[in-house]
Amino acid sequence: MPGTETFDLFIVGGGINGCGIARDASGRGLSVGLAEMGDLAQATSSASTKLFHGGLRYLEYFEFRLVREALIEREVLLQAMPHISWPMRFVLPLHKDMRFDGETPASRLLSLVLPWMKGRRPNWMIRFGLLLYDHLGGRKILPGTRAVDLTTDPAGQGLQDRFTKAYEYSDCWVDDARLVVLNARDAATRGAQIMTRTKVVAARRDGDLWRISLQTDTGMQEVTARALVNAAGPWVSETLSDVVHVDSRAAIRLVRGSHIVTRRLFDHDKCYFFQGNDGRIIFAIPYEQDFTLIGTTDADHADPDDPARISETETSYLLDFANAYLKTQLTADDIVWTYSGVRPLYDDGAGTAQSATRDYVLKLNRDGAPLLSIFGGKITTYRKLAEHALEKLAPFMGVSDKGWTAGVALPGGDLPVTQVADHKVALIRRYPFLTEKWAERLFRAYGTEAGQILGDARTATDLGRDFGATLTEAELRWMLTHEFAQTGADVLWRRSKLGLRLTDRQAAEVEDWIKARS
């Protein structure tokens, strides 16, 4: 077709894997196109538990390679984005009712060796797991595990008095939706075309190329590419069967993870790691300054096209689980927001949703122009996944198979981890009209780019209209012009979480302002 644009690489899916691959590929000099049928991070990649972590519980499944890779990545990622990711200490209270998931290899092994334990998860085994967790990934920045006396430590104040001992270890928080957007931004800076609200409706091989049909609000478009990446997340199997018409023996297991958000339940900034008598775990995490995030569940989800919503069963489960630990007892009336996401896990035949592997599998189809499909994965290993994807594609693309992204900052993250506090103080000094919470929010979203948004403002009114909760016209313009935002939901629930703070009327005013400029 005359005038059809040709890319080296075309990616289906604007979640973390798709945007991570787009960044890596464009940085190697490839021409890259990416199509996302909704907004960036609209599905799974904005619905995680917001952690860069090794996955402590995966040790019980003997997934040592996955845990080691994730532990190493924690600190690589932290150094590349210290504005949207930061260290967090996790408090693991100890008690006699802690149990294994009966399906884990560790549980089965312990049942054979120590049958009188009857599925209990002993303290000594938890300590051994944390020792392994501390050293498996070559930790350099984050502090190690320590024992905690909950009767004197501030972390004990949020818990029931029956909990007196705990272990405390390190992992990292991350703003998952902003992580996706910043990868997309960096890819675009390096030449990638990021196309949101663009659905890939068909793709077929034509000699050494893929011919790809795209549907947008304005009509149909065709592009071609030398290679195609299927990073459609929950829709990866559907894309293979209905869009590219390629058979694959690999399959995914759709697992819904749901979370509840309440008002802040404890004053300290540590996270809780709660163990249940059913072998499962949940987190209770300080969230967005004034809230607490509790989750997650693991429930099979049949159809990716069915919206992921928390069920009454999941809500009750999380409330009961948290209430077994927390001093403040929760009811459904305490929930201010819920969110759910569907994880596209590689189907390894596990008996339960929580025991399905979190590892990723890359399948390369070479029956003509290359097709790479991404199955599974977790947010912590997205950068390594992208590197491995390019290793597989490099022989066809004529580029180096050596990675480059380790240590390269994402937009706004070009500062040492040790200087984060200094930069926040400097932001307030430069813009004295900012409150401490306002400055904290801006820095945690934009890092060293916050000053570009604030510009030469000397007062808050210089930033234009105030929509509430410190959201101004200046910030809205930045999101629309630099971060691919197009709707109120993009702004209030993915580029930020200000939807938690605005009234319905204020949210409608944000939407109206955006529509007036589109």
Protein backbone atom coordinates (compact mmCIF):
# COMPACT_ATOMS: atom_id res chain seq x y z
CA MET A 1 0.00 0.00 0.00
CA PRO A 2 1.63 3.34 -1.04
CA GLY A 3 2.41 5.58 1.91
CA THR A 4 2.21 2.79 4.48
CA GLU A 5 4.61 3.46 7.34
CA THR A 6 7.19 0.74 8.02
CA PHE A 7 8.70 0.02 11.42
CA ASP A 8 11.48 -2.31 12.43
CA LEU A 9 9.40 -3.45 15.39
CA PHE A 10 5.71 -3.11 16.17
CA ILE A 11 4.34 -3.82 19.63
CA VAL A 12 0.78 -4.74 20.59
CA GLY A 13 0.04 -3.57 24.14
CA GLY A 14 0.81 -0.47 26.20
CA GLY A 15 1.36 -2.10 29.57
CA ILE A 16 4.69 -2.32 31.35
CA ASN A 17 6.08 -5.11 29.16
CA GLY A 18 5.14 -3.43 25.89
CA CYS A 19 6.46 -0.02 26.96
CA GLY A 20 9.60 -1.54 28.45
CA ILE A 21 10.35 -3.34 25.17
CA ALA A 22 9.61 -0.16 23.19
CA ARG A 23 12.11 1.78 25.29
CA ASP A 24 14.82 -0.87 24.99
CA ALA A 25 14.32 -1.36 21.25
CA SER A 26 14.23 2.35 20.38
CA GLY A 27 17.39 2.86 22.45
CA ARG A 28 19.14 0.33 20.22
CA GLY A 29 18.31 2.39 17.15
CA LEU A 30 15.25 0.48 15.94
CA SER A 31 12.20 2.26 14.59
CA VAL A 32 9.37 1.26 16.93
CA GLY A 33 5.61 1.57 16.86
CA LEU A 34 3.36 0.67 19.78
CA ALA A 35 -0.43 0.42 19.77
CA GLU A 36 -2.54 0.33 22.92
CA MET A 37 -6.30 -0.07 22.54
CA GLY A 38 -6.99 2.04 25.64
CA ASP A 39 -4.78 4.22 27.79
CA LEU A 40 -1.26 3.30 28.84
CA ALA A 41 -1.36 1.01 31.89
CA GLN A 42 -5.15 0.93 31.72
CA ALA A 43 -5.40 -2.75 32.64
CA THR A 44 -3.02 -4.95 34.65
CA SER A 45 -0.10 -2.54 34.85
CA SER A 46 -1.95 0.01 36.99
CA ALA A 47 -3.53 -2.60 39.26
CA SER A 48 -0.54 -4.17 41.00
CA THR A 49 0.35 -4.05 44.69
CA LYS A 50 2.85 -1.28 43.74
CA LEU A 51 6.00 -3.11 44.78
CA PHE A 52 9.42 -3.80 43.35
CA HIS A 53 10.10 -6.97 45.30
CA GLY A 54 11.81 -10.30 45.00
CA GLY A 55 8.69 -12.19 46.01
CA LEU A 56 9.48 -13.62 49.43
CA ARG A 57 6.74 -16.22 49.20
CA TYR A 58 8.06 -17.51 45.86
CA LEU A 59 10.95 -19.08 47.78
CA GLU A 60 8.46 -21.65 49.05
CA TYR A 61 7.87 -22.65 45.42
CA PHE A 62 11.67 -22.96 44.92
CA GLU A 63 11.54 -20.26 42.21
CA PHE A 64 15.10 -19.25 43.05
CA ARG A 65 16.02 -17.89 39.61
CA LEU A 66 12.97 -15.65 39.50
CA VAL A 67 13.52 -14.39 43.05
CA ARG A 68 17.24 -13.78 42.47
CA GLU A 69 16.59 -11.84 39.24
CA ALA A 70 13.88 -9.78 40.94
CA LEU A 71 16.05 -9.03 43.97
CA ILE A 72 18.89 -7.80 41.78
CA GLU A 73 16.45 -5.73 39.74
CA ARG A 74 15.01 -4.01 42.84
CA GLU A 75 18.14 -1.94 43.29
CA VAL A 76 18.81 -1.44 39.57
CA LEU A 77 15.31 -0.01 39.19
CA LEU A 78 15.46 2.02 42.40
CA GLN A 79 18.54 3.84 41.15
CA ALA A 80 16.90 4.60 37.79
CA MET A 81 13.72 6.07 39.26
CA PRO A 82 14.18 7.23 42.88
CA HIS A 83 11.26 9.64 42.48
CA ILE A 84 8.57 7.02 41.75
CA SER A 85 10.23 4.19 43.68
CA TRP A 86 11.62 4.24 47.19
CA PRO A 87 12.79 1.80 49.89
CA MET A 88 10.21 0.47 52.31
CA ARG A 89 10.53 -1.68 55.41
CA PHE A 90 8.18 -4.64 55.75
CA VAL A 91 7.13 -5.92 59.18
CA LEU A 92 6.26 -9.62 59.36
CA PRO A 93 4.52 -10.40 62.69
CA LEU A 94 5.10 -13.89 64.07
CA HIS A 95 2.46 -16.17 65.58
CA LYS A 96 1.73 -19.87 66.00
CA ASP A 97 -1.09 -20.06 63.41
CA MET A 98 1.08 -19.27 60.38
CA ARG A 99 0.57 -21.96 57.76
CA PHE A 100 2.03 -23.06 54.43
CA ASP A 101 0.06 -23.23 51.23
CA GLY A 102 -0.27 -27.01 51.02
CA GLU A 103 0.71 -27.04 47.35
CA THR A 104 4.15 -25.49 47.76
CA PRO A 105 7.24 -27.67 47.38
CA ALA A 106 8.51 -26.34 50.72
CA SER A 107 5.30 -27.44 52.44
CA ARG A 108 5.43 -30.92 50.93
CA LEU A 109 9.10 -31.30 51.86
CA LEU A 110 8.53 -30.19 55.45
CA SER A 111 5.55 -32.55 55.76
CA LEU A 112 7.83 -35.45 54.86
CA VAL A 113 10.70 -34.44 57.13
CA LEU A 114 8.73 -32.96 60.05
CA PRO A 115 5.18 -34.37 59.77
CA TRP A 116 4.26 -33.28 63.31
CA MET A 117 4.41 -29.65 62.16
CA LYS A 118 1.05 -30.23 60.39
CA GLY A 119 1.55 -27.48 57.83
CA ARG A 120 2.72 -24.81 60.25
CA ARG A 121 5.29 -22.31 58.98
CA PRO A 122 7.87 -22.26 61.80
CA ASN A 123 9.72 -19.12 62.86
CA TRP A 124 13.12 -20.65 62.14
CA MET A 125 12.09 -21.34 58.53
CA ILE A 126 10.87 -17.77 58.08
CA ARG A 127 14.21 -16.51 59.42
CA PHE A 128 16.09 -18.80 57.05
CA GLY A 129 13.96 -17.57 54.13
CA LEU A 130 14.68 -13.95 55.05
CA LEU A 131 18.41 -14.71 55.34
CA LEU A 132 18.29 -16.18 51.85
CA TYR A 133 16.23 -13.19 50.68
CA ASP A 134 18.88 -10.81 52.03
CA HIS A 135 21.75 -12.46 50.19
CA LEU A 136 20.36 -14.15 47.09
CA GLY A 137 20.38 -10.95 45.05
CA GLY A 138 23.59 -9.33 46.28
CA ARG A 139 21.85 -6.51 48.19
CA LYS A 140 23.92 -3.28 48.25
CA ILE A 141 21.62 -0.34 49.04
CA LEU A 142 18.75 -1.71 51.10
CA PRO A 143 19.18 -2.60 54.79
CA GLY A 144 18.90 -6.24 55.82
CA THR A 145 16.52 -8.15 58.06
CA ARG A 146 16.29 -7.48 61.78
CA ALA A 147 14.22 -8.83 64.64
CA VAL A 148 11.59 -6.45 66.04
CA ASP A 149 10.12 -6.22 69.53
CA LEU A 150 6.56 -5.11 68.79
CA THR A 151 5.97 -4.14 72.42
CA THR A 152 8.39 -1.22 72.06
CA ASP A 153 8.78 -0.60 68.31
CA PRO A 154 6.38 1.92 66.66
CA ALA A 155 5.38 -0.82 64.20
CA GLY A 156 3.61 -2.59 67.05
CA GLN A 157 1.19 0.29 67.58
CA GLY A 158 -0.97 -0.65 64.61
CA LEU A 159 -1.25 -4.30 65.63
CA GLN A 160 -3.22 -6.20 68.23
CA ASP A 161 -1.42 -6.64 71.54
CA ARG A 162 -1.11 -10.41 71.06
CA PHE A 163 1.65 -9.82 68.50
CA THR A 164 4.93 -9.27 70.34
CA LYS A 165 7.65 -10.35 67.88
CA ALA A 166 8.30 -9.76 64.21
CA TYR A 167 10.95 -9.67 61.54
CA GLU A 168 11.53 -6.57 59.44
CA TYR A 169 13.03 -6.69 55.94
CA SER A 170 13.41 -4.46 52.87
CA ASP A 171 11.68 -4.15 49.50
CA CYS A 172 10.66 -1.14 47.39
CA TRP A 173 7.50 0.77 46.59
CA VAL A 174 6.80 1.83 42.99
CA ASP A 175 4.08 3.87 41.28
CA ASP A 176 3.21 1.26 38.67
CA ALA A 177 1.13 3.39 36.28
CA ARG A 178 3.71 6.16 36.23
CA LEU A 179 6.41 3.57 35.60
CA VAL A 180 4.62 2.59 32.39
CA VAL A 181 4.16 6.20 31.29
CA LEU A 182 7.80 7.08 31.93
CA ASN A 183 8.98 4.10 29.89
CA ALA A 184 6.68 5.21 27.07
CA ARG A 185 7.97 8.78 27.33
CA ASP A 186 11.58 7.66 27.20
CA ALA A 187 10.82 5.42 24.22
CA ALA A 188 9.14 8.34 22.43
CA THR A 189 12.12 10.59 23.15
CA ARG A 190 14.28 7.96 21.42
CA GLY A 191 12.00 7.91 18.38
CA ALA A 192 9.23 5.43 19.14
CA GLN A 193 5.66 6.20 18.08
CA ILE A 194 3.30 5.58 21.01
CA MET A 195 -0.30 5.25 19.78
CA THR A 196 -2.96 5.10 22.48
CA ARG A 197 -6.66 4.45 21.81
CA THR A 198 -5.44 2.44 18.80
CA LYS A 199 -6.54 -1.18 18.42
CA VAL A 200 -4.71 -3.77 16.35
CA VAL A 201 -7.56 -5.54 14.59
CA ALA A 202 -5.56 -7.68 12.16
CA ALA A 203 -1.97 -8.64 11.38
CA ARG A 204 -0.75 -10.92 8.62
CA ARG A 205 2.59 -11.93 7.20
CA ASP A 206 3.45 -10.64 3.74
CA GLY A 207 6.85 -11.96 2.76
CA ASP A 208 9.40 -10.65 5.25
CA LEU A 209 6.99 -8.10 6.73
CA TRP A 210 3.93 -7.92 8.93
CA ARG A 211 0.97 -5.94 7.59
CA ILE A 212 -0.88 -4.55 10.59
CA SER A 213 -4.36 -3.00 10.53
CA LEU A 214 -5.04 -0.35 13.16
CA GLN A 215 -8.39 1.07 14.23
CA THR A 216 -8.63 4.53 15.77
CA ASP A 217 -11.41 7.01 16.43
CA THR A 218 -10.74 8.54 13.02
CA GLY A 219 -10.76 5.32 11.02
CA MET A 220 -8.47 2.55 9.79
CA GLN A 221 -4.74 2.69 9.12
CA GLU A 222 -2.21 0.12 7.92
CA VAL A 223 1.44 -0.08 8.94
CA THR A 224 4.11 -2.67 8.25
CA ALA A 225 6.88 -4.01 10.46
CA ARG A 226 9.81 -6.38 10.19
CA ALA A 227 8.87 -8.02 13.51
CA LEU A 228 5.79 -8.09 15.73
CA VAL A 229 5.68 -8.29 19.53
CA ASN A 230 2.52 -9.53 21.20
CA ALA A 231 2.60 -7.91 24.64
CA ALA A 232 -1.18 -7.75 24.99
CA GLY A 233 -1.18 -8.98 28.58
CA PRO A 234 -4.53 -10.64 29.41
CA TRP A 235 -5.32 -10.57 25.70
CA VAL A 236 -2.10 -12.30 24.54
CA SER A 237 -3.86 -15.57 23.65
CA GLU A 238 -6.78 -13.73 22.06
CA THR A 239 -4.33 -11.71 19.96
CA LEU A 240 -2.62 -14.88 18.76
CA SER A 241 -5.85 -16.64 17.80
CA ASP A 242 -8.03 -13.76 16.56
CA VAL A 243 -5.60 -11.13 15.28
CA VAL A 244 -2.52 -12.88 13.92
CA HIS A 245 -4.13 -16.32 13.49
CA VAL A 246 -1.15 -18.23 14.82
CA ASP A 247 -1.52 -21.39 16.88
CA SER A 248 0.46 -21.58 20.10
CA ARG A 249 0.79 -24.36 22.63
CA ALA A 250 1.57 -21.80 25.33
CA ALA A 251 -1.39 -20.61 27.35
CA ILE A 252 -2.09 -18.11 30.09
CA ARG A 253 -4.00 -18.36 33.30
CA LEU A 254 -5.96 -15.24 34.11
CA VAL A 255 -5.78 -14.49 37.83
CA ARG A 256 -7.61 -11.52 39.34
CA GLY A 257 -5.88 -9.62 42.10
CA SER A 258 -8.05 -7.23 44.10
CA HIS A 259 -7.17 -4.53 46.61
CA ILE A 260 -9.04 -2.31 49.03
CA VAL A 261 -8.01 1.19 50.14
CA THR A 262 -8.97 2.69 53.51
CA ARG A 263 -8.10 5.87 55.37
CA ARG A 264 -4.65 5.68 56.97
CA LEU A 265 -4.66 3.05 59.71
CA PHE A 266 -1.26 3.62 61.36
CA ASP A 267 1.13 6.54 61.83
CA HIS A 268 4.46 4.97 60.85
CA ASP A 269 5.69 4.55 57.27
CA LYS A 270 6.34 0.80 57.37
CA CYS A 271 4.38 -1.88 55.56
CA TYR A 272 2.89 -5.02 57.12
CA PHE A 273 3.30 -8.52 55.69
CA PHE A 274 0.48 -10.65 57.11
CA GLN A 275 0.48 -14.46 56.98
CA GLY A 276 -2.79 -16.35 57.07
CA ASN A 277 -3.76 -19.73 58.43
CA ASP A 278 -4.60 -20.73 54.85
CA GLY A 279 -0.98 -20.32 53.71
CA ARG A 280 -1.58 -17.06 51.88
CA ILE A 281 -0.28 -13.56 52.57
CA ILE A 282 -1.48 -10.00 52.15
CA PHE A 283 0.14 -6.58 52.58
CA ALA A 284 -1.07 -3.46 54.39
CA ILE A 285 0.87 -0.53 52.92
CA PRO A 286 0.95 3.24 53.56
CA TYR A 287 -0.60 4.70 50.40
CA GLU A 288 -0.74 8.17 48.85
CA GLN A 289 0.10 9.92 52.15
CA ASP A 290 -3.33 9.59 53.79
CA PHE A 291 -4.50 6.05 52.99
CA THR A 292 -3.70 2.37 53.55
CA LEU A 293 -3.63 -0.17 50.72
CA ILE A 294 -4.58 -3.78 51.57
CA GLY A 295 -4.20 -6.72 49.19
CA THR A 296 -4.03 -8.83 47.20
CA THR A 297 -6.33 -11.72 46.42
CA ASP A 298 -5.80 -14.48 43.86
CA ALA A 299 -8.93 -15.58 41.99
CA ASP A 300 -9.25 -17.19 38.59
CA HIS A 301 -10.79 -14.86 35.99
CA ALA A 302 -12.41 -16.46 32.96
CA ASP A 303 -12.56 -13.73 30.30
CA PRO A 304 -10.16 -10.79 29.77
CA ASP A 305 -13.02 -8.76 28.30
CA ASP A 306 -14.98 -8.99 31.57
CA PRO A 307 -14.02 -5.94 33.66
CA ALA A 308 -11.97 -6.87 36.71
CA ARG A 309 -13.95 -5.93 39.82
CA ILE A 310 -13.59 -7.03 43.41
CA SER A 311 -16.23 -9.52 44.53
CA GLU A 312 -18.03 -9.55 47.88
CA THR A 313 -16.11 -12.72 48.72
CA GLU A 314 -12.77 -11.03 48.03
CA THR A 315 -13.78 -7.95 50.02
CA SER A 316 -14.76 -10.04 53.04
CA TYR A 317 -11.59 -12.08 52.72
CA LEU A 318 -9.33 -9.02 52.82
CA LEU A 319 -11.25 -7.41 55.69
CA ASP A 320 -11.21 -10.59 57.79
CA PHE A 321 -7.52 -11.22 57.00
CA ALA A 322 -6.50 -7.69 58.00
CA ASN A 323 -8.74 -7.68 61.08
CA ALA A 324 -6.94 -10.75 62.40
CA TYR A 325 -3.87 -8.49 62.80
CA LEU A 326 -4.87 -4.83 62.98
CA LYS A 327 -5.81 -3.05 66.17
CA THR A 328 -8.32 -0.90 64.25
CA GLN A 329 -11.09 -3.24 63.12
CA LEU A 330 -12.36 -2.58 59.61
CA THR A 331 -15.77 -2.88 58.01
CA ALA A 332 -16.90 -2.36 54.43
CA ASP A 333 -17.81 1.22 55.40
CA ASP A 334 -14.12 2.00 55.89
CA ILE A 335 -13.29 1.24 52.24
CA VAL A 336 -12.81 4.41 50.19
CA TRP A 337 -11.76 2.73 46.93
CA THR A 338 -11.12 -0.68 45.43
CA TYR A 339 -9.28 -1.79 42.33
CA SER A 340 -8.68 -5.09 40.59
CA GLY A 341 -6.40 -6.28 37.82
CA VAL A 342 -6.11 -9.46 35.80
CA ARG A 343 -2.64 -10.97 35.80
CA PRO A 344 -1.83 -12.95 32.63
CA LEU A 345 0.22 -15.71 34.27
CA TYR A 346 1.91 -18.43 32.27
CA ASP A 347 -0.20 -21.56 32.71
CA ASP A 348 2.11 -24.11 34.28
CA GLY A 349 -0.71 -26.41 35.36
CA ALA A 350 -0.72 -25.28 39.01
CA GLY A 351 -3.70 -26.41 41.03
CA THR A 352 -4.57 -23.01 42.50
CA ALA A 353 -4.38 -19.42 41.33
CA GLN A 354 -1.93 -18.38 44.06
CA SER A 355 0.49 -21.18 43.17
CA ALA A 356 0.68 -20.34 39.44
CA THR A 357 4.17 -19.19 38.47
CA ARG A 358 4.95 -15.46 38.30
CA ASP A 359 7.86 -16.12 35.94
CA TYR A 360 7.71 -15.01 32.31
CA VAL A 361 7.96 -17.05 29.14
CA LEU A 362 8.87 -15.63 25.70
CA LYS A 363 7.70 -17.59 22.66
CA LEU A 364 9.28 -16.79 19.27
CA ASN A 365 7.44 -17.87 16.12
CA ARG A 366 9.71 -17.87 13.05
CA ASP A 367 7.29 -19.07 10.37
CA GLY A 368 8.07 -15.99 8.30
CA ALA A 369 8.49 -12.53 9.77
CA PRO A 370 9.29 -12.91 13.50
CA LEU A 371 6.49 -12.92 16.08
CA LEU A 372 7.39 -12.75 19.77
CA SER A 373 4.67 -13.37 22.36
CA ILE A 374 5.02 -12.48 26.04
CA PHE A 375 3.43 -14.78 28.62
CA GLY A 376 3.36 -13.96 32.32
CA GLY A 377 5.86 -11.84 34.17
CA LYS A 378 5.83 -9.42 37.09
CA ILE A 379 6.43 -5.70 37.26
CA THR A 380 9.79 -6.06 39.04
CA THR A 381 11.33 -7.99 36.17
CA TYR A 382 9.93 -5.93 33.30
CA ARG A 383 13.33 -4.46 32.34
CA LYS A 384 15.02 -7.88 32.25
CA LEU A 385 12.07 -9.23 30.27
CA ALA A 386 12.62 -6.45 27.73
CA GLU A 387 16.31 -7.30 27.50
CA HIS A 388 15.53 -10.97 26.93
CA ALA A 389 12.95 -10.04 24.29
CA LEU A 390 15.56 -8.02 22.39
CA GLU A 391 18.08 -10.85 22.73
CA LYS A 392 15.64 -13.08 20.86
CA LEU A 393 14.85 -10.46 18.22
CA ALA A 394 18.37 -9.04 17.72
CA PRO A 395 19.47 -11.63 15.09
CA PHE A 396 16.53 -10.60 12.87
CA MET A 397 16.90 -6.88 13.51
CA GLY A 398 20.62 -6.51 12.90
CA VAL A 399 21.25 -4.82 16.26
CA SER A 400 23.34 -5.67 19.29
CA ASP A 401 21.95 -8.21 21.72
CA LYS A 402 23.62 -6.40 24.63
CA GLY A 403 21.36 -4.53 27.03
CA TRP A 404 21.80 -0.82 27.77
CA THR A 405 19.01 0.17 30.16
CA ALA A 406 20.62 -0.83 33.48
CA GLY A 407 21.57 2.35 35.31
CA VAL A 408 19.93 4.67 32.75
CA ALA A 409 17.47 6.96 34.53
CA LEU A 410 13.86 7.33 33.51
CA PRO A 411 12.53 10.89 33.03
CA GLY A 412 12.75 12.77 36.31
CA GLY A 413 14.93 10.13 37.95
CA ASP A 414 18.35 11.60 37.19
CA LEU A 415 19.51 11.97 40.78
CA PRO A 416 21.19 9.67 43.33
CA VAL A 417 18.93 7.79 45.73
CA THR A 418 20.78 9.45 48.61
CA GLN A 419 19.81 12.94 47.39
CA VAL A 420 16.04 12.48 47.23
CA ALA A 421 15.38 14.32 50.49
CA ASP A 422 17.64 17.21 49.47
CA HIS A 423 15.83 17.63 46.16
CA LYS A 424 12.44 17.80 47.89
CA VAL A 425 13.76 20.49 50.25
CA ALA A 426 15.21 22.41 47.29
CA LEU A 427 11.84 22.30 45.52
CA ILE A 428 10.15 24.02 48.46
CA ARG A 429 12.91 26.61 48.69
CA ARG A 430 12.51 27.45 45.02
CA TYR A 431 8.71 27.53 45.25
CA PRO A 432 7.90 28.61 48.84
CA PHE A 433 4.16 28.65 48.13
CA LEU A 434 4.21 24.82 48.01
CA THR A 435 3.05 23.01 51.13
CA GLU A 436 5.15 20.07 52.26
CA LYS A 437 2.53 17.56 51.08
CA TRP A 438 2.14 19.30 47.74
CA ALA A 439 5.88 19.30 47.16
CA GLU A 440 6.08 15.64 48.20
CA ARG A 441 3.36 14.67 45.72
CA LEU A 442 4.92 16.60 42.85
CA PHE A 443 8.38 15.22 43.48
CA ARG A 444 7.11 11.65 43.82
CA ALA A 445 5.42 11.99 40.45
CA TYR A 446 7.86 14.09 38.42
CA GLY A 447 11.20 14.10 40.23
CA THR A 448 13.67 16.55 38.72
CA GLU A 449 11.07 17.56 36.10
CA ALA A 450 8.76 19.12 38.72
CA GLY A 451 10.44 22.47 38.13
CA GLN A 452 9.52 22.32 34.44
CA ILE A 453 5.86 22.10 35.40
CA LEU A 454 6.05 24.90 37.95
CA GLY A 455 8.16 27.09 35.67
CA ASP A 456 8.58 30.70 36.83
CA ALA A 457 5.55 30.60 39.15
CA ARG A 458 5.87 32.77 42.23
CA THR A 459 2.45 32.04 43.66
CA ALA A 460 -0.03 29.20 43.34
CA THR A 461 -2.28 31.37 41.18
CA ASP A 462 0.50 31.56 38.55
CA LEU A 463 -0.18 27.85 37.88
CA GLY A 464 -3.68 28.56 36.64
CA ARG A 465 -6.95 27.16 37.84
CA ASP A 466 -6.94 25.02 40.99
CA PHE A 467 -9.16 21.98 40.51
CA GLY A 468 -8.72 20.82 44.09
CA ALA A 469 -6.20 18.63 45.93
CA THR A 470 -3.33 20.79 44.48
CA LEU A 471 -4.14 19.81 40.87
CA THR A 472 -3.60 22.88 38.67
CA GLU A 473 -3.89 23.78 35.02
CA ALA A 474 -0.10 23.75 34.71
CA GLU A 475 0.07 20.12 35.83
CA LEU A 476 -2.86 19.12 33.64
CA ARG A 477 -1.19 20.64 30.59
CA TRP A 478 1.97 18.67 31.35
CA MET A 479 0.04 15.39 31.53
CA LEU A 480 -1.72 16.09 28.24
CA THR A 481 1.32 17.30 26.31
CA HIS A 482 4.04 15.05 27.74
CA GLU A 483 2.34 11.94 29.17
CA PHE A 484 -0.22 10.82 26.55
CA ALA A 485 -3.21 11.59 28.82
CA GLN A 486 -6.49 12.25 27.03
CA THR A 487 -9.29 11.88 29.61
CA GLY A 488 -10.10 12.66 33.20
CA ALA A 489 -9.61 9.02 34.17
CA ASP A 490 -6.13 9.04 32.60
CA VAL A 491 -5.24 12.03 34.78
CA LEU A 492 -6.98 11.16 38.04
CA TRP A 493 -6.43 7.39 38.25
CA ARG A 494 -3.29 6.59 36.24
CA ARG A 495 -1.01 9.66 35.93
CA SER A 496 -1.98 10.35 39.54
CA LYS A 497 -4.35 9.00 42.19
CA LEU A 498 -5.99 12.36 42.79
CA GLY A 499 -9.33 10.71 42.12
CA LEU A 500 -9.14 9.63 45.76
CA ARG A 501 -9.28 13.27 46.84
CA LEU A 502 -11.53 15.09 44.36
CA THR A 503 -15.30 15.26 44.61
CA ASP A 504 -17.45 14.08 41.72
CA ARG A 505 -18.04 17.70 40.77
CA GLN A 506 -14.34 18.48 40.74
CA ALA A 507 -13.59 15.36 38.67
CA ALA A 508 -16.25 16.45 36.16
CA GLU A 509 -14.61 19.89 35.93
CA VAL A 510 -11.28 18.25 35.11
CA GLU A 511 -12.97 16.23 32.37
CA ASP A 512 -14.68 19.32 30.96
CA TRP A 513 -11.37 21.24 30.93
CA ILE A 514 -9.69 18.44 28.99
CA LYS A 515 -12.54 18.14 26.48
CA ALA A 516 -12.46 21.87 25.85
CA ARG A 517 -8.84 21.55 24.72
CA SER A 518 -9.09 18.39 22.63
